[in-house]
């Protein structure tokens, strides 16, 4: 069982139980605001998010931070750095979190020793590629409120994948993070949220978003 109490993927089991006679390293706590990996540093390890949420950012020469993705339980941090040999982005914890840190040599041994784990990791990577494709489609929306609504629905779908309710979202990221992710101004995100609320598309209470049941039915 995964942490939600429902039947989880092999990766969920690996995150907590280890593999056969080859136990995984103990989970490491990452305090809110801490960074388990830095952009440009050597990609000698991978992290599996066991609990919590991270934002993955790239920093431009002028200091602007572009939020590339938000990583949640079961996501891999750092796999995109294997080809170049260095991490392509910095991961920052948005809340107190836990990660399993896997040196690449240990990860290779685990994959060879457990075909089920290897298959689960391949599925996990495929899922994250799929999410990247969905993000590209999301960014194609011209209207800011449509882009924001697609992002929130995408987040709800990811909640459903993890056995959580897609109707109630507790946003770990702030509106500036969302704006930097969607390529919008902070004020535009706030205005778009108000518009969606006025149109009865959703309800908002600080960082909590509640969808009407009819809207998220297709996610289940």
C-alpha atoms as a PDB file:
ATOM      1  CA  UNK A   1       0.000   0.000   0.000  1.00  0.00           C
ATOM      2  CA  UNK A   2       1.114   3.522  -0.711  1.00  0.00           C
ATOM      3  CA  UNK A   3       1.032   6.272   1.941  1.00  0.00           C
ATOM      4  CA  UNK A   4      -2.568   7.071   1.001  1.00  0.00           C
ATOM      5  CA  UNK A   5      -3.680   3.615   2.168  1.00  0.00           C
ATOM      6  CA  UNK A   6      -4.632   2.543  -1.349  1.00  0.00           C
ATOM      7  CA  UNK A   7      -2.843   0.050  -3.529  1.00  0.00           C
ATOM      8  CA  UNK A   8       0.253   1.881  -4.758  1.00  0.00           C
ATOM      9  CA  UNK A   9       2.740   1.357  -7.573  1.00  0.00           C
ATOM     10  CA  UNK A  10       6.012  -0.486  -7.056  1.00  0.00           C
ATOM     11  CA  UNK A  11       7.670   2.890  -6.647  1.00  0.00           C
ATOM     12  CA  UNK A  12       5.378   3.667  -3.682  1.00  0.00           C
ATOM     13  CA  UNK A  13       6.480   0.414  -2.052  1.00  0.00           C
ATOM     14  CA  UNK A  14      10.128   1.052  -2.811  1.00  0.00           C
ATOM     15  CA  UNK A  15       9.963   4.497  -1.266  1.00  0.00           C
ATOM     16  CA  UNK A  16       9.062   3.029   2.125  1.00  0.00           C
ATOM     17  CA  UNK A  17      10.105  -0.619   2.204  1.00  0.00           C
ATOM     18  CA  UNK A  18      13.282  -1.178   0.229  1.00  0.00           C
ATOM     19  CA  UNK A  19      13.798  -3.976  -2.268  1.00  0.00           C
ATOM     20  CA  UNK A  20      14.306  -7.549  -1.088  1.00  0.00           C
ATOM     21  CA  UNK A  21      17.660  -7.844   0.663  1.00  0.00           C
ATOM     22  CA  UNK A  22      18.788  -4.458  -0.648  1.00  0.00           C
ATOM     23  CA  UNK A  23      17.173  -1.852   1.632  1.00  0.00           C
ATOM     24  CA  UNK A  24      17.036   1.695   0.415  1.00  0.00           C
ATOM     25  CA  UNK A  25      18.816   4.479   2.314  1.00  0.00           C
ATOM     26  CA  UNK A  26      16.805   6.042   5.088  1.00  0.00           C
ATOM     27  CA  UNK A  27      14.559   8.913   4.109  1.00  0.00           C
ATOM     28  CA  UNK A  28      16.127  12.319   4.529  1.00  0.00           C
ATOM     29  CA  UNK A  29      14.116  15.231   5.841  1.00  0.00           C
ATOM     30  CA  UNK A  30      14.182  18.413   3.789  1.00  0.00           C
ATOM     31  CA  UNK A  31      12.985  21.515   5.598  1.00  0.00           C
ATOM     32  CA  UNK A  32      10.760  24.017   3.819  1.00  0.00           C
ATOM     33  CA  UNK A  33      12.977  26.302   1.745  1.00  0.00           C
ATOM     34  CA  UNK A  34      15.895  23.834   1.616  1.00  0.00           C
ATOM     35  CA  UNK A  35      17.370  22.547  -1.659  1.00  0.00           C
ATOM     36  CA  UNK A  36      18.305  18.864  -2.125  1.00  0.00           C
ATOM     37  CA  UNK A  37      19.867  19.680  -5.514  1.00  0.00           C
ATOM     38  CA  UNK A  38      21.247  22.796  -7.180  1.00  0.00           C
ATOM     39  CA  UNK A  39      21.190  23.822 -10.817  1.00  0.00           C
ATOM     40  CA  UNK A  40      24.531  23.059 -12.452  1.00  0.00           C
ATOM     41  CA  UNK A  41      25.807  20.694  -9.744  1.00  0.00           C
ATOM     42  CA  UNK A  42      27.004  17.184 -10.588  1.00  0.00           C
ATOM     43  CA  UNK A  43      24.156  14.734 -11.219  1.00  0.00           C
ATOM     44  CA  UNK A  44      25.604  11.879  -9.152  1.00  0.00           C
ATOM     45  CA  UNK A  45      22.342  10.919  -7.435  1.00  0.00           C
ATOM     46  CA  UNK A  46      18.603  10.870  -7.830  1.00  0.00           C
ATOM     47  CA  UNK A  47      15.904  11.675  -5.306  1.00  0.00           C
ATOM     48  CA  UNK A  48      12.497  10.079  -4.972  1.00  0.00           C
ATOM     49  CA  UNK A  49      10.008  12.325  -3.201  1.00  0.00           C
ATOM     50  CA  UNK A  50       8.561  10.334  -0.314  1.00  0.00           C
ATOM     51  CA  UNK A  51       6.459  13.161   1.109  1.00  0.00           C
ATOM     52  CA  UNK A  52       5.985  16.860   0.497  1.00  0.00           C
ATOM     53  CA  UNK A  53       6.207  19.182  -2.495  1.00  0.00           C
ATOM     54  CA  UNK A  54       9.090  20.803  -4.369  1.00  0.00           C
ATOM     55  CA  UNK A  55       9.355  23.466  -7.032  1.00  0.00           C
ATOM     56  CA  UNK A  56      12.005  23.013  -9.708  1.00  0.00           C
ATOM     57  CA  UNK A  57      13.396  26.311 -10.969  1.00  0.00           C
ATOM     58  CA  UNK A  58      15.889  27.688 -13.462  1.00  0.00           C
ATOM     59  CA  UNK A  59      17.418  31.072 -12.767  1.00  0.00           C
ATOM     60  CA  UNK A  60      18.081  33.444 -15.670  1.00  0.00           C
ATOM     61  CA  UNK A  61      21.075  35.747 -15.857  1.00  0.00           C
ATOM     62  CA  UNK A  62      18.896  38.646 -14.734  1.00  0.00           C
ATOM     63  CA  UNK A  63      17.848  36.703 -11.628  1.00  0.00           C
ATOM     64  CA  UNK A  64      14.348  35.801 -12.841  1.00  0.00           C
ATOM     65  CA  UNK A  65      13.251  32.394 -11.533  1.00  0.00           C
ATOM     66  CA  UNK A  66      11.251  30.271 -13.959  1.00  0.00           C
ATOM     67  CA  UNK A  67       9.341  27.489 -12.210  1.00  0.00           C
ATOM     68  CA  UNK A  68       9.630  24.461 -14.500  1.00  0.00           C
ATOM     69  CA  UNK A  69       7.593  21.979 -12.470  1.00  0.00           C
ATOM     70  CA  UNK A  70       6.175  21.025  -9.105  1.00  0.00           C
ATOM     71  CA  UNK A  71       7.313  17.624  -7.797  1.00  0.00           C
ATOM     72  CA  UNK A  72       5.096  15.591  -5.477  1.00  0.00           C
ATOM     73  CA  UNK A  73       5.111  12.201  -3.725  1.00  0.00           C
ATOM     74  CA  UNK A  74       6.474   9.507  -6.003  1.00  0.00           C
ATOM     75  CA  UNK A  75       8.164  11.913  -8.423  1.00  0.00           C
ATOM     76  CA  UNK A  76      11.827  11.710  -9.349  1.00  0.00           C
ATOM     77  CA  UNK A  77      14.066  14.717  -8.819  1.00  0.00           C
ATOM     78  CA  UNK A  78      17.103  15.006 -11.030  1.00  0.00           C
ATOM     79  CA  UNK A  79      16.589  12.405 -13.742  1.00  0.00           C
ATOM     80  CA  UNK A  80      16.777  15.172 -16.343  1.00  0.00           C
ATOM     81  CA  UNK A  81      20.426  15.736 -15.393  1.00  0.00           C
ATOM     82  CA  UNK A  82      21.745  12.338 -16.450  1.00  0.00           C
ATOM     83  CA  UNK A  83      22.368  13.213 -20.107  1.00  0.00           C
ATOM     84  CA  UNK A  84      24.382  16.373 -19.461  1.00  0.00           C
ATOM     85  CA  UNK A  85      25.935  15.129 -16.212  1.00  0.00           C
ATOM     86  CA  UNK A  86      24.645  18.058 -14.175  1.00  0.00           C
ATOM     87  CA  UNK A  87      21.282  19.087 -12.789  1.00  0.00           C
ATOM     88  CA  UNK A  88      19.240  21.280 -15.101  1.00  0.00           C
ATOM     89  CA  UNK A  89      17.360  22.999 -12.287  1.00  0.00           C
ATOM     90  CA  UNK A  90      17.280  23.678  -8.556  1.00  0.00           C
ATOM     91  CA  UNK A  91      14.712  21.873  -6.396  1.00  0.00           C
ATOM     92  CA  UNK A  92      13.315  23.832  -3.442  1.00  0.00           C
ATOM     93  CA  UNK A  93      11.032  22.312  -0.798  1.00  0.00           C
ATOM     94  CA  UNK A  94       7.730  24.171  -0.503  1.00  0.00           C
ATOM     95  CA  UNK A  95       6.965  22.455   2.808  1.00  0.00           C
ATOM     96  CA  UNK A  96       8.734  20.115   5.215  1.00  0.00           C
ATOM     97  CA  UNK A  97       9.379  17.088   3.000  1.00  0.00           C
ATOM     98  CA  UNK A  98      11.194  13.750   2.822  1.00  0.00           C
ATOM     99  CA  UNK A  99      13.253  12.265   0.003  1.00  0.00           C
ATOM    100  CA  UNK A 100      15.059   8.998  -0.651  1.00  0.00           C
ATOM    101  CA  UNK A 101      18.510   9.865  -2.019  1.00  0.00           C
ATOM    102  CA  UNK A 102      19.821   7.221  -4.428  1.00  0.00           C
ATOM    103  CA  UNK A 103      23.424   7.380  -5.628  1.00  0.00           C
ATOM    104  CA  UNK A 104      23.429   6.398  -9.292  1.00  0.00           C
ATOM    105  CA  UNK A 105      25.522   3.262  -8.680  1.00  0.00           C
ATOM    106  CA  UNK A 106      22.998   2.069  -6.081  1.00  0.00           C
ATOM    107  CA  UNK A 107      20.089   2.879  -8.376  1.00  0.00           C
ATOM    108  CA  UNK A 108      21.655   0.807 -11.163  1.00  0.00           C
ATOM    109  CA  UNK A 109      22.138  -2.126  -8.765  1.00  0.00           C
ATOM    110  CA  UNK A 110      18.553  -1.922  -7.558  1.00  0.00           C
ATOM    111  CA  UNK A 111      17.199  -1.875 -11.102  1.00  0.00           C
ATOM    112  CA  UNK A 112      19.246  -4.928 -12.083  1.00  0.00           C
ATOM    113  CA  UNK A 113      18.236  -6.803  -8.920  1.00  0.00           C
ATOM    114  CA  UNK A 114      14.520  -6.094  -9.214  1.00  0.00           C
ATOM    115  CA  UNK A 115      12.903  -6.087 -12.687  1.00  0.00           C
ATOM    116  CA  UNK A 116       9.617  -4.914 -11.157  1.00  0.00           C
ATOM    117  CA  UNK A 117      11.371  -1.847  -9.771  1.00  0.00           C
ATOM    118  CA  UNK A 118      13.032  -1.194 -13.117  1.00  0.00           C
ATOM    119  CA  UNK A 119       9.655  -1.390 -14.855  1.00  0.00           C
ATOM    120  CA  UNK A 120       8.056   0.908 -12.267  1.00  0.00           C
ATOM    121  CA  UNK A 121      10.805   3.492 -12.693  1.00  0.00           C
ATOM    122  CA  UNK A 122      10.345   3.420 -16.461  1.00  0.00           C
ATOM    123  CA  UNK A 123       6.618   3.980 -15.986  1.00  0.00           C
ATOM    124  CA  UNK A 124       7.338   6.805 -13.570  1.00  0.00           C
ATOM    125  CA  UNK A 125       9.668   8.524 -16.040  1.00  0.00           C
ATOM    126  CA  UNK A 126       7.074   8.055 -18.773  1.00  0.00           C
ATOM    127  CA  UNK A 127       4.426   9.623 -16.523  1.00  0.00           C
ATOM    128  CA  UNK A 128       6.615  12.661 -15.881  1.00  0.00           C
ATOM    129  CA  UNK A 129       7.254  13.038 -19.625  1.00  0.00           C
ATOM    130  CA  UNK A 130       3.495  12.891 -20.107  1.00  0.00           C
ATOM    131  CA  UNK A 131       3.068  15.647 -17.549  1.00  0.00           C
ATOM    132  CA  UNK A 132       5.611  17.759 -19.447  1.00  0.00           C
ATOM    133  CA  UNK A 133       3.565  17.306 -22.624  1.00  0.00           C
ATOM    134  CA  UNK A 134       0.412  18.310 -20.749  1.00  0.00           C
ATOM    135  CA  UNK A 135       2.228  21.414 -19.515  1.00  0.00           C
ATOM    136  CA  UNK A 136       3.076  22.363 -23.107  1.00  0.00           C
ATOM    137  CA  UNK A 137      -0.613  22.027 -24.014  1.00  0.00           C
ATOM    138  CA  UNK A 138      -1.531  24.064 -20.940  1.00  0.00           C
ATOM    139  CA  UNK A 139       0.783  26.886 -21.972  1.00  0.00           C
ATOM    140  CA  UNK A 140      -0.906  27.003 -25.393  1.00  0.00           C
ATOM    141  CA  UNK A 141      -3.968  28.587 -23.776  1.00  0.00           C
ATOM    142  CA  UNK A 142      -4.098  32.267 -24.684  1.00  0.00           C
ATOM    143  CA  UNK A 143      -6.467  33.529 -21.984  1.00  0.00           C
ATOM    144  CA  UNK A 144      -4.823  33.752 -18.567  1.00  0.00           C
ATOM    145  CA  UNK A 145      -7.876  32.344 -16.764  1.00  0.00           C
ATOM    146  CA  UNK A 146      -7.947  29.354 -19.143  1.00  0.00           C
ATOM    147  CA  UNK A 147      -4.246  28.705 -18.531  1.00  0.00           C
ATOM    148  CA  UNK A 148      -4.764  28.903 -14.765  1.00  0.00           C
ATOM    149  CA  UNK A 149      -7.842  26.659 -14.856  1.00  0.00           C
ATOM    150  CA  UNK A 150      -5.957  24.051 -16.900  1.00  0.00           C
ATOM    151  CA  UNK A 151      -3.094  24.153 -14.415  1.00  0.00           C
ATOM    152  CA  UNK A 152      -5.430  23.584 -11.453  1.00  0.00           C
ATOM    153  CA  UNK A 153      -7.210  20.738 -13.261  1.00  0.00           C
ATOM    154  CA  UNK A 154      -3.829  19.219 -14.101  1.00  0.00           C
ATOM    155  CA  UNK A 155      -2.914  19.425 -10.409  1.00  0.00           C
ATOM    156  CA  UNK A 156      -6.235  17.812  -9.470  1.00  0.00           C
ATOM    157  CA  UNK A 157      -5.536  14.940 -11.866  1.00  0.00           C
ATOM    158  CA  UNK A 158      -2.160  14.385 -10.200  1.00  0.00           C
ATOM    159  CA  UNK A 159      -3.916  14.271  -6.823  1.00  0.00           C
ATOM    160  CA  UNK A 160      -6.270  11.617  -8.178  1.00  0.00           C
ATOM    161  CA  UNK A 161      -3.275   9.579  -9.424  1.00  0.00           C
ATOM    162  CA  UNK A 162      -2.075   9.425  -5.826  1.00  0.00           C
ATOM    163  CA  UNK A 163      -5.413   8.297  -4.420  1.00  0.00           C
ATOM    164  CA  UNK A 164      -6.268  11.734  -3.042  1.00  0.00           C
ATOM    165  CA  UNK A 165      -9.389  13.788  -3.604  1.00  0.00           C
ATOM    166  CA  UNK A 166      -9.161  15.873  -6.778  1.00  0.00           C
ATOM    167  CA  UNK A 167     -11.926  18.182  -5.539  1.00  0.00           C
ATOM    168  CA  UNK A 168      -9.986  19.761  -2.690  1.00  0.00           C
ATOM    169  CA  UNK A 169      -6.582  21.235  -3.438  1.00  0.00           C
ATOM    170  CA  UNK A 170      -4.330  22.633  -0.751  1.00  0.00           C
ATOM    171  CA  UNK A 171      -1.835  24.610  -2.790  1.00  0.00           C
ATOM    172  CA  UNK A 172       1.689  24.350  -1.390  1.00  0.00           C
ATOM    173  CA  UNK A 173       2.949  26.895  -3.888  1.00  0.00           C
ATOM    174  CA  UNK A 174       2.116  30.592  -3.628  1.00  0.00           C
ATOM    175  CA  UNK A 175       0.628  32.699  -6.400  1.00  0.00           C
ATOM    176  CA  UNK A 176       4.018  34.060  -7.427  1.00  0.00           C
ATOM    177  CA  UNK A 177       5.247  30.476  -7.950  1.00  0.00           C
ATOM    178  CA  UNK A 178       2.161  29.729 -10.052  1.00  0.00           C
ATOM    179  CA  UNK A 179       2.730  32.912 -12.060  1.00  0.00           C
ATOM    180  CA  UNK A 180       6.381  31.997 -12.682  1.00  0.00           C
ATOM    181  CA  UNK A 181       5.243  28.532 -13.783  1.00  0.00           C
ATOM    182  CA  UNK A 182       2.568  29.748 -16.187  1.00  0.00           C
ATOM    183  CA  UNK A 183       4.464  32.711 -17.594  1.00  0.00           C
ATOM    184  CA  UNK A 184       1.994  35.199 -16.138  1.00  0.00           C
ATOM    185  CA  UNK A 185       2.248  38.211 -13.874  1.00  0.00           C
ATOM    186  CA  UNK A 186       1.429  37.683 -10.213  1.00  0.00           C
ATOM    187  CA  UNK A 187      -1.407  40.193 -10.461  1.00  0.00           C
ATOM    188  CA  UNK A 188      -2.814  38.323 -13.470  1.00  0.00           C
ATOM    189  CA  UNK A 189      -2.992  35.067 -11.491  1.00  0.00           C
ATOM    190  CA  UNK A 190      -4.863  36.804  -8.665  1.00  0.00           C
ATOM    191  CA  UNK A 191      -7.258  38.466 -11.124  1.00  0.00           C
ATOM    192  CA  UNK A 192      -7.848  35.184 -12.973  1.00  0.00           C
ATOM    193  CA  UNK A 193      -8.618  33.379  -9.725  1.00  0.00           C
ATOM    194  CA  UNK A 194     -11.204  36.013  -8.849  1.00  0.00           C
ATOM    195  CA  UNK A 195     -12.766  35.634 -12.290  1.00  0.00           C
ATOM    196  CA  UNK A 196     -13.015  31.836 -11.924  1.00  0.00           C
ATOM    197  CA  UNK A 197     -14.616  32.288  -8.510  1.00  0.00           C
ATOM    198  CA  UNK A 198     -17.073  34.867  -9.872  1.00  0.00           C
ATOM    199  CA  UNK A 199     -18.035  32.411 -12.622  1.00  0.00           C
ATOM    200  CA  UNK A 200     -18.656  29.709  -9.965  1.00  0.00           C
ATOM    201  CA  UNK A 201     -15.976  27.484 -11.506  1.00  0.00           C
ATOM    202  CA  UNK A 202     -14.297  27.016  -8.126  1.00  0.00           C
ATOM    203  CA  UNK A 203     -14.129  28.313  -4.571  1.00  0.00           C
ATOM    204  CA  UNK A 204     -10.953  29.684  -2.980  1.00  0.00           C
ATOM    205  CA  UNK A 205     -10.052  30.100   0.680  1.00  0.00           C
ATOM    206  CA  UNK A 206      -6.454  31.343   1.000  1.00  0.00           C
ATOM    207  CA  UNK A 207      -4.495  28.432  -0.552  1.00  0.00           C
ATOM    208  CA  UNK A 208      -7.360  25.969  -0.576  1.00  0.00           C
ATOM    209  CA  UNK A 209      -9.190  25.401  -3.872  1.00  0.00           C
ATOM    210  CA  UNK A 210     -12.476  23.508  -3.984  1.00  0.00           C
ATOM    211  CA  UNK A 211     -13.877  22.292  -7.302  1.00  0.00           C
ATOM    212  CA  UNK A 212     -17.572  21.567  -7.897  1.00  0.00           C
ATOM    213  CA  UNK A 213     -18.064  17.799  -8.216  1.00  0.00           C
ATOM    214  CA  UNK A 214     -19.269  18.066 -11.830  1.00  0.00           C
ATOM    215  CA  UNK A 215     -16.018  19.640 -12.995  1.00  0.00           C
ATOM    216  CA  UNK A 216     -13.690  16.957 -11.621  1.00  0.00           C
ATOM    217  CA  UNK A 217     -15.893  13.952 -12.461  1.00  0.00           C
ATOM    218  CA  UNK A 218     -13.869  13.330 -15.600  1.00  0.00           C
ATOM    219  CA  UNK A 219     -10.663  13.082 -13.555  1.00  0.00           C
ATOM    220  CA  UNK A 220     -11.770   9.990 -11.629  1.00  0.00           C
END
